[in-house]
Protein backbone atom coordinates (compact mmCIF):
# COMPACT_ATOMS: atom_id res chain seq x y z
CA MET A 1 134.94 109.07 37.11
CA LYS A 2 132.99 111.57 35.10
CA LEU A 3 131.77 114.70 36.62
CA SER A 4 128.16 113.75 36.11
CA ASP A 5 128.75 110.41 37.92
CA MET A 6 130.34 112.27 40.79
CA PHE A 7 127.28 114.75 41.13
CA SER A 8 124.95 111.69 40.93
CA SER A 9 127.04 109.93 43.60
CA LEU A 10 127.02 112.84 45.81
CA ALA A 11 123.32 113.45 45.36
CA GLU A 12 122.78 109.70 46.14
CA ASN A 13 124.97 109.99 49.39
CA ALA A 14 123.21 113.19 50.45
CA ARG A 15 119.87 111.52 50.08
CA SER A 16 120.99 108.49 51.97
CA PHE A 17 122.29 110.73 54.68
CA GLU A 18 119.08 112.55 55.00
CA GLU A 19 117.24 109.26 55.37
CA ARG A 20 119.53 108.17 58.18
CA VAL A 21 119.29 111.42 59.85
CA SER A 22 115.50 111.21 59.64
CA GLU A 23 115.58 107.51 61.05
CA TRP A 24 117.96 108.66 63.75
CA GLN A 25 115.66 111.42 64.73
CA GLU A 26 112.65 109.18 64.82
CA GLN A 27 114.42 106.71 67.18
CA MET A 28 115.57 109.46 69.43
CA ASN A 29 112.06 110.83 69.58
CA ALA A 30 110.81 107.54 70.27
CA GLN A 31 113.41 106.87 73.10
CA GLY A 32 112.48 110.27 74.52
CA ASP A 33 108.89 109.43 74.57
CA ASP A 34 109.74 106.10 76.22
CA MET A 35 111.78 107.77 78.86
CA MET A 36 109.11 110.32 79.60
CA ALA A 37 106.42 107.49 79.97
CA SER A 38 108.93 105.47 82.21
CA ALA A 39 109.64 108.81 84.25
CA ARG A 40 105.76 109.41 84.64
CA LYS A 41 105.24 105.82 85.71
CA TRP A 42 108.00 106.08 88.25
CA GLN A 43 106.58 109.23 89.56
CA GLU A 44 103.09 108.03 89.92
CA ALA A 45 104.54 104.95 91.85
CA ALA A 46 106.55 107.18 93.93
CA MET A 47 103.55 109.35 94.78
CA GLN A 48 101.59 106.31 95.78
CA ARG A 49 104.38 104.99 97.94
CA GLN A 50 104.64 108.34 99.64
CA GLU A 51 100.91 108.41 100.14
CA GLU A 52 101.27 104.98 101.96
CA LEU A 53 104.16 106.20 103.92
CA ASN A 54 102.32 109.30 104.96
CA LYS A 55 99.47 107.21 106.21
CA GLN A 56 101.94 104.88 108.10
CA MET A 57 103.69 107.86 109.67
CA GLN A 58 100.42 109.39 110.67
CA GLY A 59 99.43 106.03 112.56
CA TYR A 60 102.81 106.07 114.23
CA PHE A 61 102.48 109.79 115.10
CA GLU A 62 99.03 109.24 116.63
CA GLU A 63 100.39 106.44 118.87
CA ALA A 64 103.51 108.30 119.92
CA GLY A 65 103.84 110.21 123.21
CA GLU A 66 104.24 113.91 123.40
CA ASN A 67 107.99 113.79 123.88
CA VAL A 68 108.42 111.77 120.72
CA ARG A 69 106.04 113.90 118.81
CA ALA A 70 108.09 117.02 119.64
CA GLN A 71 111.41 115.40 118.69
CA TRP A 72 109.85 114.03 115.35
CA GLU A 73 108.56 117.50 114.40
CA THR A 74 112.01 119.24 115.10
CA MET A 75 113.63 116.44 112.96
CA GLN A 76 110.97 116.75 110.36
CA SER A 77 111.47 120.60 110.17
CA ALA A 78 115.17 120.16 109.75
CA TRP A 79 114.78 117.80 107.02
CA GLU A 80 112.22 119.85 105.25
CA GLU A 81 114.75 122.80 105.40
CA GLN A 82 117.53 120.71 104.04
CA PHE A 83 115.41 119.35 101.23
CA GLN A 84 114.15 122.83 100.20
CA SER A 85 117.88 124.00 100.21
CA MET A 86 118.74 121.02 98.04
CA GLN A 87 115.84 121.74 95.67
CA LYS A 88 116.92 125.30 95.37
CA LYS A 89 120.56 124.44 94.52
CA GLY A 90 119.21 121.92 91.93
CA GLU A 91 117.13 124.54 90.26
CA GLU A 92 120.17 127.02 90.15
CA MET A 93 122.26 124.10 88.51
CA ARG A 94 119.40 123.18 86.26
CA ALA A 95 119.29 126.81 84.96
CA SER A 96 122.99 126.94 84.46
CA ALA A 97 123.01 123.54 82.62
CA MET A 98 120.25 124.81 80.27
CA GLN A 99 122.16 127.90 79.58
CA SER A 100 125.39 126.03 78.69
CA GLY A 101 123.61 123.55 76.57
CA ASN A 102 124.56 120.58 78.77
CA PHE A 103 121.08 119.95 80.06
CA ALA A 104 120.77 116.34 78.92
CA ASP A 105 124.05 115.42 80.68
CA TRP A 106 123.18 117.37 83.78
CA ALA A 107 119.82 115.84 84.04
CA GLU A 108 121.20 112.29 83.89
CA ALA A 109 123.82 113.13 86.38
CA TYR A 110 121.17 114.82 88.73
CA ALA A 111 118.73 111.93 88.38
CA ALA A 112 121.74 109.42 89.36
CA GLN A 113 122.50 111.48 92.19
CA MET A 114 118.93 111.67 93.55
CA VAL A 115 118.49 107.98 93.17
CA SER A 116 121.76 107.44 95.20
CA PHE A 117 120.42 109.89 97.78
CA ALA A 118 117.13 108.11 97.96
CA GLN A 119 118.81 104.75 98.47
CA LYS A 120 120.90 106.22 101.29
CA MET A 121 117.64 107.29 102.90
CA GLN A 122 116.07 103.96 102.39
CA ASP A 123 118.99 102.29 104.04
CA GLU A 124 118.75 104.72 106.87
CA ALA A 125 114.94 103.93 107.26
CA ALA A 126 115.63 100.21 107.20
CA ASN A 127 118.29 100.65 109.87
CA ALA A 128 115.72 102.51 112.01
CA ILE A 129 112.93 100.03 111.45
CA ALA A 130 115.61 97.11 112.61
CA ALA A 131 116.50 99.34 115.69
CA ALA A 132 112.81 99.86 116.57
CA THR A 133 112.04 96.07 116.12
CA GLU A 134 114.99 95.23 118.27
CA ALA A 135 113.94 97.73 121.05
CA ARG A 136 110.33 96.38 121.03
CA GLY A 137 111.69 92.94 121.35
CA LYS A 138 113.70 93.73 124.37
CA SER A 139 110.88 95.83 126.03
CA GLY A 140 108.32 93.08 125.52
CA GLY A 141 106.69 94.49 122.34
CA LYS A 142 105.01 97.40 123.87
CA LYS A 143 104.76 100.74 121.90
CA LYS A 144 105.83 103.44 124.20
CA GLY A 145 106.10 107.29 123.36
C-alpha cells in the first residue's frame, strides 16, 4: 500500500467515524428527549392521581370521627417526616453522583428504587382497602369514626 493510499484510507475512516459519532449523538439526543417527554407525562399523570386521591382522602377525613382523625394526623405527620428524610438523603446522593460523574447510572437506580417503593405503598393501600371493605361488611356497611 502506498503512503498516499494509507493517508486517503485514514482520512476516509476518520470521516466515516465522525459521521457515525454524529448519528449516535443525534440518536442519544432523541432518546433523551423521548425520555424527558415520557417523564413529564408520567409526572402529570401522577399529579392528577394525587389530586384525585387528595379529594378522596378529604372525603374520608370529613366523615371520620374525632379519634380516627387524630390517629390519621399522627400517622400522616410520621409519613411526611419519613418522606422528607428520604428526599434529603436522595438529594445528598444525587449531589455525590453528579460529582463522581455517575449521575445517569444513579438516576436510573434511584428511579427504579422509587418505583419499587411506590409499588410497595400501593400494595399496602390495597391491603388497607380490603381490610376496610371486610370490616364494613362485618359491621353491616356503616361508616364509623
